[in-house]
Amino acid sequence: MTAPGAAGGPPAGLAAEVGDLLSLAEASEASSMSRLAEIAVRQISWSSGAVSTLWDGQRVVLSAASHPGLSGLVDIQESAGHGPTLDAVAGAGPVRCADTLADDRWPEFTREALHGGVRCWLTVARRTGTAALSLLVLGARPRAIADDQAAIATSLLAIGEAVLGSISELGEARAAASQMLDAAHARAVVDQAKGILMQALSCDADEALARMRDLSQRHNVKVTEVARRVIENSGPAARDRGR
């Protein structure tokens, strides 16, 4: 565990951890979620484990834990339909427990936590519409949560949200670029097929395209597929078959 920083200040090494997390902007969501949980364990002095979760309403979209088995603390809340993290997601602000043995607010969650040796915990969430990102921080000692730890967890969560937003935007940009490339390739194929038909049928470009569209409708295939077949049937092999 990382020793806490000076009173009122961030823990030592947090800036480096933030830089490390921000460097994941081109990584996968799963990698960023895992790193967020790991950083929380290192930077929140009393923490012995953490779970970061993406939510759509009360449904888990993606969850990553710093240690195997901890994701069950999120799964049990999703199954029960209630729990501390879901309360945080709903807007309750940071939700904490100083001693799990003395907490009876969410029996299913409490049983699972005690079974895993969790004696105190803190959970925070940031929500946009129905989507939310949460961070559940877990400790093995009761009454170990310091007053400033919620602020640190919330700051990490805000950074994680920004990174995940960058990943989403990058994915959308890549998808758009891929679609543009596909469209350009399709146009090139259709233009090549039009040229072949114009020469073979002594027609103009509009008539060649109209013929391909007619075949597309009659055979229930895309115009690009018709164009590919035109190109294939005009190649050297097709000419050899016609001899």
Protein backbone atom coordinates (compact mmCIF):
# COMPACT_ATOMS: atom_id res chain seq x y z
CA MET A 1 0.00 0.00 0.00
CA THR A 2 1.14 3.56 -0.76
CA ALA A 3 1.73 5.87 2.16
CA PRO A 4 -0.58 8.90 2.27
CA GLY A 5 0.73 12.30 1.26
CA ALA A 6 0.89 15.42 3.32
CA ALA A 7 -2.27 16.49 5.10
CA GLY A 8 -4.72 18.02 2.67
CA GLY A 9 -2.52 17.21 -0.34
CA PRO A 10 -2.54 14.44 -2.89
CA PRO A 11 -0.72 11.19 -2.10
CA ALA A 12 2.85 10.80 -3.33
CA GLY A 13 3.12 9.66 -6.91
CA LEU A 14 -0.44 10.57 -7.87
CA ALA A 15 0.73 12.85 -10.71
CA ALA A 16 2.72 10.00 -12.25
CA GLU A 17 -0.25 7.65 -11.87
CA VAL A 18 -2.52 10.17 -13.58
CA GLY A 19 -0.07 10.50 -16.45
CA ASP A 20 0.00 6.72 -16.73
CA LEU A 21 -3.78 6.56 -16.87
CA LEU A 22 -4.02 9.34 -19.42
CA SER A 23 -1.50 7.51 -21.61
CA LEU A 24 -4.14 4.79 -22.08
CA ALA A 25 -6.30 7.01 -24.29
CA GLU A 26 -5.58 4.71 -27.23
CA ALA A 27 -5.95 1.48 -25.25
CA SER A 28 -9.09 -0.54 -24.76
CA GLU A 29 -11.82 0.31 -22.28
CA ALA A 30 -11.03 -2.90 -20.39
CA SER A 31 -7.35 -1.93 -20.00
CA SER A 32 -8.27 1.54 -18.75
CA MET A 33 -10.82 0.15 -16.29
CA SER A 34 -8.26 -2.31 -14.88
CA ARG A 35 -5.64 0.41 -14.53
CA LEU A 36 -8.11 2.72 -12.76
CA ALA A 37 -8.80 0.03 -10.15
CA GLU A 38 -5.07 -0.67 -9.68
CA ILE A 39 -4.24 3.03 -9.25
CA ALA A 40 -7.02 3.43 -6.68
CA VAL A 41 -5.48 0.64 -4.58
CA ARG A 42 -2.04 2.23 -4.72
CA GLN A 43 -3.14 5.80 -4.08
CA ILE A 44 -5.83 5.35 -1.42
CA SER A 45 -3.74 4.44 1.60
CA TRP A 46 -6.18 2.14 3.41
CA SER A 47 -7.33 0.31 0.30
CA SER A 48 -6.62 -3.37 -0.27
CA GLY A 49 -8.79 -3.72 -3.38
CA ALA A 50 -10.94 -1.80 -5.85
CA VAL A 51 -13.50 -2.38 -8.60
CA SER A 52 -14.24 0.02 -11.46
CA THR A 53 -17.52 -0.43 -13.33
CA LEU A 54 -19.31 0.97 -16.34
CA TRP A 55 -23.09 1.00 -15.96
CA ASP A 56 -26.07 1.45 -18.25
CA GLY A 57 -28.81 2.23 -15.77
CA GLN A 58 -28.57 -0.64 -13.27
CA ARG A 59 -26.94 -3.01 -15.78
CA VAL A 60 -23.22 -3.71 -15.68
CA VAL A 61 -21.60 -3.07 -19.06
CA LEU A 62 -17.98 -3.66 -18.04
CA SER A 63 -16.29 -4.27 -14.71
CA ALA A 64 -12.63 -4.62 -13.73
CA ALA A 65 -11.23 -5.54 -10.33
CA SER A 66 -7.76 -5.18 -8.85
CA HIS A 67 -7.97 -8.73 -7.47
CA PRO A 68 -9.86 -11.85 -8.64
CA GLY A 69 -13.23 -12.32 -7.02
CA LEU A 70 -13.92 -8.70 -6.14
CA SER A 71 -16.17 -8.21 -9.17
CA GLY A 72 -18.71 -10.31 -7.26
CA LEU A 73 -19.34 -7.26 -5.08
CA VAL A 74 -20.70 -5.50 -8.16
CA ASP A 75 -22.49 -8.54 -9.56
CA ILE A 76 -24.43 -9.03 -6.32
CA GLN A 77 -25.70 -5.45 -6.51
CA GLU A 78 -26.79 -5.88 -10.12
CA SER A 79 -28.64 -9.09 -9.21
CA ALA A 80 -30.30 -7.62 -6.11
CA GLY A 81 -31.13 -4.31 -7.80
CA HIS A 82 -29.72 -2.31 -4.91
CA GLY A 83 -26.44 -1.66 -3.12
CA PRO A 84 -24.02 1.12 -2.19
CA THR A 85 -22.59 1.54 -5.68
CA LEU A 86 -26.06 1.68 -7.22
CA ASP A 87 -26.96 4.35 -4.66
CA ALA A 88 -23.87 6.32 -5.70
CA VAL A 89 -24.80 5.87 -9.37
CA ALA A 90 -28.30 7.15 -8.56
CA GLY A 91 -26.78 10.39 -7.24
CA ALA A 92 -26.33 9.75 -3.52
CA GLY A 93 -22.76 11.06 -3.68
CA PRO A 94 -19.90 9.16 -2.05
CA VAL A 95 -21.29 6.23 -0.05
CA ARG A 96 -19.09 4.78 2.67
CA CYS A 97 -19.00 2.27 5.49
CA ALA A 98 -16.58 2.48 8.41
CA ASP A 99 -17.22 -1.10 9.58
CA THR A 100 -18.96 -3.72 7.46
CA LEU A 101 -19.89 -5.73 10.58
CA ALA A 102 -22.01 -2.82 11.79
CA ASP A 103 -23.74 -2.09 8.45
CA ASP A 104 -27.15 -3.57 7.63
CA ARG A 105 -28.24 -1.32 4.74
CA TRP A 106 -27.68 -3.88 1.95
CA PRO A 107 -27.67 -7.43 3.40
CA GLU A 108 -26.70 -9.21 0.16
CA PHE A 109 -23.76 -6.89 -0.46
CA THR A 110 -22.66 -6.99 3.19
CA ARG A 111 -22.60 -10.81 3.27
CA GLU A 112 -20.52 -10.91 0.08
CA ALA A 113 -18.16 -8.23 1.41
CA LEU A 114 -17.61 -9.96 4.75
CA HIS A 115 -17.05 -13.27 2.98
CA GLY A 116 -14.21 -11.56 1.07
CA GLY A 117 -12.68 -10.05 4.20
CA VAL A 118 -13.87 -6.49 3.50
CA ARG A 119 -14.24 -4.48 6.71
CA CYS A 120 -14.67 -0.96 5.28
CA TRP A 121 -15.43 0.51 1.87
CA LEU A 122 -16.08 3.65 -0.12
CA THR A 123 -17.86 3.97 -3.46
CA VAL A 124 -18.18 6.98 -5.79
CA ALA A 125 -19.80 7.41 -9.20
CA ARG A 126 -20.11 9.86 -12.07
CA ARG A 127 -23.21 9.70 -14.25
CA THR A 128 -24.12 11.05 -17.68
CA GLY A 129 -27.68 10.22 -18.69
CA THR A 130 -28.19 6.49 -18.11
CA ALA A 131 -24.44 5.79 -18.35
CA ALA A 132 -22.23 5.91 -15.27
CA LEU A 133 -18.71 5.08 -14.15
CA SER A 134 -18.20 3.93 -10.57
CA LEU A 135 -15.27 3.11 -8.33
CA LEU A 136 -15.67 0.84 -5.30
CA VAL A 137 -12.68 0.96 -2.92
CA LEU A 138 -12.32 -1.77 -0.29
CA GLY A 139 -10.33 -2.04 2.94
CA ALA A 140 -9.40 -4.98 5.17
CA ARG A 141 -9.36 -2.95 8.41
CA PRO A 142 -12.46 -1.34 9.99
CA ARG A 143 -12.66 2.42 10.48
CA ALA A 144 -9.64 3.01 8.24
CA ILE A 145 -11.22 5.53 5.85
CA ALA A 146 -9.62 8.97 6.09
CA ASP A 147 -11.75 12.07 5.57
CA ASP A 148 -9.96 13.14 2.40
CA GLN A 149 -10.10 9.75 0.65
CA ALA A 150 -13.46 10.37 -1.04
CA ALA A 151 -11.98 13.41 -2.79
CA ILE A 152 -9.06 11.34 -4.09
CA ALA A 153 -11.38 8.58 -5.31
CA THR A 154 -13.62 11.15 -7.00
CA SER A 155 -10.63 12.77 -8.72
CA LEU A 156 -9.43 9.40 -10.04
CA LEU A 157 -12.94 8.68 -11.27
CA ALA A 158 -13.10 11.99 -13.15
CA ILE A 159 -9.79 11.21 -14.88
CA GLY A 160 -10.97 7.69 -15.70
CA GLU A 161 -14.16 9.09 -17.18
CA ALA A 162 -12.15 11.47 -19.39
CA VAL A 163 -9.94 8.62 -20.61
CA LEU A 164 -12.92 6.40 -21.38
CA GLY A 165 -14.51 9.32 -23.23
CA SER A 166 -11.35 9.67 -25.32
CA ILE A 167 -11.41 5.95 -26.07
CA SER A 168 -15.04 6.19 -27.15
CA GLU A 169 -14.35 9.20 -29.36
CA LEU A 170 -11.31 7.47 -30.85
CA GLY A 171 -13.39 4.38 -31.56
CA GLU A 172 -16.07 6.46 -33.23
CA ALA A 173 -13.45 8.27 -35.32
CA ARG A 174 -11.91 4.97 -36.39
CA ALA A 175 -15.35 3.58 -37.28
CA ALA A 176 -16.15 6.68 -39.32
CA ALA A 177 -12.82 6.45 -41.13
CA SER A 178 -13.41 2.77 -41.85
CA GLN A 179 -16.85 3.55 -43.24
CA MET A 180 -15.39 6.27 -45.45
CA LEU A 181 -12.75 3.88 -46.78
CA ASP A 182 -15.39 1.22 -47.44
CA ALA A 183 -17.55 3.76 -49.26
CA ALA A 184 -14.61 4.95 -51.35
CA HIS A 185 -13.71 1.37 -52.25
CA ALA A 186 -17.32 0.62 -53.20
CA ARG A 187 -17.45 3.69 -55.43
CA ALA A 188 -14.21 2.63 -57.13
CA VAL A 189 -15.61 -0.86 -57.79
CA VAL A 190 -18.86 0.54 -59.21
CA ASP A 191 -16.98 3.06 -61.37
CA GLN A 192 -14.76 0.30 -62.75
CA ALA A 193 -17.77 -1.88 -63.55
CA LYS A 194 -19.51 1.07 -65.23
CA GLY A 195 -16.50 1.57 -67.47
CA ILE A 196 -16.54 -2.12 -68.46
CA LEU A 197 -20.28 -2.04 -69.28
CA MET A 198 -19.98 1.24 -71.20
CA GLN A 199 -17.35 -0.32 -73.43
CA ALA A 200 -19.12 -3.67 -73.79
CA LEU A 201 -22.61 -2.28 -74.41
CA SER A 202 -21.72 1.02 -76.05
CA CYS A 203 -23.75 2.94 -73.50
CA ASP A 204 -23.17 5.95 -71.26
CA ALA A 205 -22.41 5.92 -67.50
CA ASP A 206 -26.02 6.51 -66.43
CA GLU A 207 -27.29 3.58 -68.49
CA ALA A 208 -24.53 1.30 -67.21
CA LEU A 209 -25.42 2.19 -63.62
CA ALA A 210 -29.13 1.71 -64.33
CA ARG A 211 -28.43 -1.80 -65.64
CA MET A 212 -26.48 -2.71 -62.51
CA ARG A 213 -29.25 -1.35 -60.29
CA ASP A 214 -31.82 -3.38 -62.21
CA LEU A 215 -29.77 -6.55 -61.68
CA SER A 216 -29.33 -5.62 -58.02
CA GLN A 217 -33.08 -5.40 -57.46
CA ARG A 218 -33.91 -8.53 -59.45
CA HIS A 219 -31.36 -10.70 -57.66
CA ASN A 220 -31.65 -8.96 -54.26
CA VAL A 221 -27.94 -8.20 -53.97
CA LYS A 222 -26.07 -4.95 -53.48
CA VAL A 223 -25.01 -2.87 -56.46
CA THR A 224 -21.39 -3.29 -55.33
CA GLU A 225 -21.78 -7.07 -55.55
CA VAL A 226 -23.17 -6.76 -59.08
CA ALA A 227 -20.21 -4.53 -59.93
CA ARG A 228 -17.75 -7.10 -58.56
CA ARG A 229 -19.30 -9.83 -60.69
CA VAL A 230 -19.10 -7.61 -63.76
CA ILE A 231 -15.40 -7.04 -63.08
CA GLU A 232 -14.73 -10.74 -62.41
CA ASN A 233 -16.53 -11.79 -65.61
CA SER A 234 -14.53 -9.30 -67.66
CA GLY A 235 -11.11 -10.57 -66.59
CA PRO A 236 -8.66 -12.76 -68.53
CA ALA A 237 -10.19 -15.98 -67.16
CA ALA A 238 -13.63 -14.92 -68.40
CA ARG A 239 -12.22 -14.11 -71.82
CA ASP A 240 -10.50 -17.52 -71.95
CA ARG A 241 -13.80 -19.25 -71.15
CA GLY A 242 -15.45 -17.38 -74.04
CA ARG A 243 -12.96 -18.69 -76.59
